[in-house]
Amino acid sequence: MEKDVYLAVYNPGMGDSQLLRLYLNTSMVEVSAWFPYTRSYLPVTAEAFCYPNLDTQTGQECEVNVRHKITSLSLSILRIRLLPSSDISVKPSSNLSLSNDRVTLTLDTKSIGSPAVNFTVQNSLGTKHVTFDFRYYLNYYMKRNDDEHDGGLYIFKSTINDSLPFNHTVANATAYHGSLSHMILITYASEMNPYQQTSVRLRLP
């Protein structure tokens, strides 16, 4: 990463944007925004959730949350400055719970090592238990005159009535509790090849 990187961020929505999310390979940065009235770059609040890069299996990937207001249909300029003396990373936590003023979501630690993730969701309506996993259907095909006719592009057909679970298990789960956002990172590993991994991120503002 160069010492200074400039990003033009556009808000196409009809409402104001208060929180931005950037993806970098380091947390040693200072984030500033251009303010036209002062004609200068001023520091804005930023924090980073860093975790191993599953695509390259080397290094790290950092989600950088930035508190900066961009009004509807407006453009803002951010300056990302590499600053070894500034580490904005949030330390990982074993507290696998996310909460705000509306809901609290807690991950059951017994999910580690199993193919499904179990959550407890609490809000003003009560408490519910939720199970989440990845599943797939077998695609339909039919042999006719030695030709195989698969399910079409626009109409999906399956050979079975129920879905099947993927052959992976939850390898680990890590939480990040920052001042701008909260996140639980769930990493899945293939049972056929433990080095093949994928992840799911759960966030609450």
Protein backbone atom coordinates (compact mmCIF):
# COMPACT_ATOMS: atom_id res chain seq x y z
CA MET A 1 0.00 0.00 0.00
CA GLU A 2 1.30 3.47 -0.93
CA LYS A 3 1.82 6.06 1.78
CA ASP A 4 -1.24 8.07 0.69
CA VAL A 5 -4.30 6.72 -1.11
CA TYR A 6 -7.24 8.94 -2.09
CA LEU A 7 -10.74 7.54 -2.49
CA ALA A 8 -13.75 9.26 -4.02
CA VAL A 9 -16.84 7.88 -2.23
CA TYR A 10 -20.28 8.52 -3.71
CA ASN A 11 -23.59 8.08 -1.90
CA PRO A 12 -26.25 7.11 -4.49
CA GLY A 13 -28.99 6.66 -1.89
CA MET A 14 -31.81 8.99 -0.93
CA GLY A 15 -30.68 9.08 2.72
CA ASP A 16 -27.48 10.27 4.38
CA SER A 17 -24.69 7.75 4.95
CA GLN A 18 -23.09 7.82 8.40
CA LEU A 19 -20.76 4.79 8.32
CA LEU A 20 -18.40 3.70 5.55
CA ARG A 21 -16.66 0.34 5.19
CA LEU A 22 -13.28 -0.04 3.46
CA TYR A 23 -11.17 -3.16 2.86
CA LEU A 24 -7.41 -2.84 3.35
CA ASN A 25 -4.51 -5.17 4.13
CA THR A 26 -3.29 -3.20 7.13
CA SER A 27 -4.65 -1.40 10.18
CA MET A 28 -1.66 0.96 10.43
CA VAL A 29 -3.48 3.87 8.84
CA GLU A 30 -4.92 7.30 9.50
CA VAL A 31 -8.19 8.15 7.75
CA SER A 32 -8.97 11.77 6.90
CA ALA A 33 -11.77 13.42 4.94
CA TRP A 34 -11.74 16.53 2.79
CA PHE A 35 -13.81 19.37 4.26
CA PRO A 36 -14.51 22.10 1.66
CA TYR A 37 -15.19 24.82 4.22
CA THR A 38 -11.73 24.50 5.78
CA ARG A 39 -10.15 23.43 2.47
CA SER A 40 -8.17 20.75 4.29
CA TYR A 41 -8.14 17.06 5.24
CA LEU A 42 -9.21 16.44 8.83
CA PRO A 43 -8.99 13.10 10.72
CA VAL A 44 -12.22 11.13 11.13
CA THR A 45 -12.97 8.27 13.53
CA ALA A 46 -12.01 4.87 12.13
CA GLU A 47 -11.44 1.35 13.44
CA ALA A 48 -10.39 -1.92 11.82
CA PHE A 49 -11.42 -5.56 12.22
CA CYS A 50 -8.47 -7.64 10.99
CA TYR A 51 -8.45 -11.40 10.33
CA PRO A 52 -6.49 -13.92 8.17
CA ASN A 53 -7.02 -13.64 4.42
CA LEU A 54 -8.70 -16.93 3.44
CA ASP A 55 -8.23 -16.36 -0.30
CA THR A 56 -4.44 -16.12 -0.24
CA GLN A 57 -3.86 -18.08 3.02
CA THR A 58 -1.20 -15.45 3.80
CA GLY A 59 -1.33 -12.02 5.36
CA GLN A 60 -4.46 -10.39 6.68
CA GLU A 61 -7.55 -8.54 5.54
CA CYS A 62 -8.92 -5.56 7.46
CA GLU A 63 -12.43 -4.15 7.39
CA VAL A 64 -12.05 -0.48 8.22
CA ASN A 65 -15.20 1.21 9.53
CA VAL A 66 -15.19 4.98 9.10
CA ARG A 67 -17.57 7.44 10.73
CA HIS A 68 -18.14 10.13 8.13
CA LYS A 69 -21.38 11.68 6.93
CA ILE A 70 -22.04 11.77 3.20
CA THR A 71 -25.32 13.39 2.28
CA SER A 72 -27.66 11.95 -0.33
CA LEU A 73 -26.35 12.02 -3.93
CA SER A 74 -23.08 13.59 -2.78
CA LEU A 75 -19.38 12.85 -3.17
CA SER A 76 -16.67 12.88 -0.52
CA ILE A 77 -12.89 12.44 -0.73
CA LEU A 78 -11.08 10.26 1.81
CA ARG A 79 -7.33 10.14 2.36
CA ILE A 80 -5.88 6.86 3.64
CA ARG A 81 -2.38 7.51 5.02
CA LEU A 82 -0.04 4.66 5.94
CA LEU A 83 1.11 5.47 9.46
CA PRO A 84 3.14 2.79 11.29
CA SER A 85 2.71 4.62 14.59
CA SER A 86 -1.11 4.41 14.37
CA ASP A 87 -2.83 1.05 14.82
CA ILE A 88 -6.63 1.35 14.61
CA SER A 89 -7.31 -2.40 14.92
CA VAL A 90 -9.85 -3.75 17.41
CA LYS A 91 -8.64 -6.79 19.34
CA PRO A 92 -10.58 -10.05 18.76
CA SER A 93 -12.86 -11.14 21.59
CA SER A 94 -14.24 -14.47 22.80
CA ASN A 95 -17.51 -12.76 23.75
CA LEU A 96 -19.68 -14.17 20.92
CA SER A 97 -22.61 -11.83 21.45
CA LEU A 98 -23.87 -8.84 19.46
CA SER A 99 -26.36 -6.32 20.79
CA ASN A 100 -27.88 -2.92 20.18
CA ASP A 101 -30.94 -1.13 21.54
CA ARG A 102 -33.30 -3.48 19.67
CA VAL A 103 -31.87 -7.00 19.72
CA THR A 104 -29.23 -9.24 21.31
CA LEU A 105 -27.76 -12.14 19.32
CA THR A 106 -25.60 -14.78 21.02
CA LEU A 107 -23.75 -17.62 19.31
CA ASP A 108 -23.72 -21.00 21.07
CA THR A 109 -20.08 -22.09 21.51
CA LYS A 110 -21.21 -25.71 21.05
CA SER A 111 -21.57 -24.85 17.35
CA ILE A 112 -17.77 -25.07 16.98
CA GLY A 113 -16.99 -28.34 15.22
CA SER A 114 -20.55 -28.86 13.92
CA PRO A 115 -21.98 -28.08 10.45
CA ALA A 116 -24.66 -25.72 11.81
CA VAL A 117 -24.54 -22.55 13.90
CA ASN A 118 -27.01 -22.07 16.74
CA PHE A 119 -28.03 -18.61 17.92
CA THR A 120 -30.16 -17.18 20.68
CA VAL A 121 -32.04 -14.04 19.62
CA GLN A 122 -33.56 -11.80 22.30
CA ASN A 123 -35.74 -8.75 21.73
CA SER A 124 -38.85 -7.11 23.14
CA LEU A 125 -40.98 -9.99 21.82
CA GLY A 126 -39.06 -12.66 23.75
CA THR A 127 -36.32 -15.22 23.09
CA LYS A 128 -35.94 -17.42 20.02
CA HIS A 129 -33.43 -20.11 19.06
CA VAL A 130 -32.23 -20.04 15.46
CA THR A 131 -30.15 -22.60 13.53
CA PHE A 132 -28.20 -21.58 10.43
CA ASP A 133 -26.33 -23.79 7.95
CA PHE A 134 -25.42 -24.00 4.26
CA ARG A 135 -27.39 -26.43 2.10
CA TYR A 136 -27.70 -27.35 -1.58
CA TYR A 137 -29.99 -29.23 -3.98
CA LEU A 138 -29.00 -31.82 -6.56
CA ASN A 139 -29.68 -30.51 -10.04
CA TYR A 140 -32.27 -32.35 -12.14
CA TYR A 141 -31.22 -34.07 -15.36
CA MET A 142 -32.88 -36.54 -17.69
CA LYS A 143 -31.35 -38.93 -20.19
CA ARG A 144 -33.03 -38.99 -23.58
CA ASN A 145 -31.40 -40.55 -26.63
CA ASP A 146 -28.08 -40.67 -24.80
CA ASP A 147 -28.28 -36.93 -24.17
CA GLU A 148 -28.47 -35.44 -20.69
CA HIS A 149 -30.94 -32.58 -20.19
CA ASP A 150 -30.07 -30.55 -17.13
CA GLY A 151 -32.32 -28.17 -15.27
CA GLY A 152 -32.72 -24.92 -17.19
CA LEU A 153 -31.25 -21.51 -16.44
CA TYR A 154 -34.57 -19.90 -15.58
CA ILE A 155 -36.48 -22.79 -14.01
CA PHE A 156 -34.57 -24.70 -11.34
CA LYS A 157 -35.45 -28.38 -10.96
CA SER A 158 -34.07 -30.81 -8.41
CA THR A 159 -33.96 -34.59 -8.16
CA ILE A 160 -34.74 -34.49 -4.42
CA ASN A 161 -37.44 -32.87 -2.30
CA ASP A 162 -35.17 -31.71 0.54
CA SER A 163 -31.82 -29.94 0.55
CA LEU A 164 -28.52 -31.50 1.63
CA PRO A 165 -25.94 -29.97 4.00
CA PHE A 166 -22.51 -29.00 2.71
CA ASN A 167 -19.63 -31.14 3.93
CA HIS A 168 -18.02 -28.52 6.14
CA THR A 169 -17.93 -27.66 9.83
CA VAL A 170 -17.50 -24.51 11.89
CA ALA A 171 -13.75 -24.21 12.51
CA ASN A 172 -13.86 -21.16 14.79
CA ALA A 173 -15.77 -18.00 15.64
CA THR A 174 -14.33 -14.65 16.70
CA ALA A 175 -16.04 -11.45 17.79
CA TYR A 176 -14.99 -7.83 17.32
CA HIS A 177 -16.53 -5.15 19.53
CA GLY A 178 -15.71 -1.65 18.38
CA SER A 179 -17.13 1.78 19.07
CA LEU A 180 -18.64 2.05 15.56
CA SER A 181 -19.73 -1.51 14.84
CA HIS A 182 -19.78 -5.07 16.16
CA MET A 183 -19.08 -8.24 14.19
CA ILE A 184 -18.85 -12.02 14.62
CA LEU A 185 -16.64 -13.80 12.08
CA ILE A 186 -17.54 -17.49 11.58
CA THR A 187 -15.00 -19.60 9.68
CA TYR A 188 -16.00 -22.87 8.02
CA ALA A 189 -13.53 -25.61 6.99
CA SER A 190 -14.19 -28.33 4.43
CA GLU A 191 -14.27 -31.86 5.83
CA MET A 192 -12.59 -33.07 2.61
CA ASN A 193 -9.81 -30.47 2.74
CA PRO A 194 -9.35 -28.41 5.95
CA TYR A 195 -7.33 -25.84 3.99
CA GLN A 196 -10.43 -24.93 1.98
CA GLN A 197 -12.17 -22.38 4.16
CA THR A 198 -14.88 -19.79 3.84
CA SER A 199 -16.37 -17.29 6.27
CA VAL A 200 -19.63 -15.61 7.25
CA ARG A 201 -19.78 -12.18 8.90
CA LEU A 202 -22.59 -11.06 11.20
CA ARG A 203 -22.74 -7.34 11.98
CA LEU A 204 -24.72 -4.98 14.16
CA PRO A 205 -24.23 -1.19 14.10
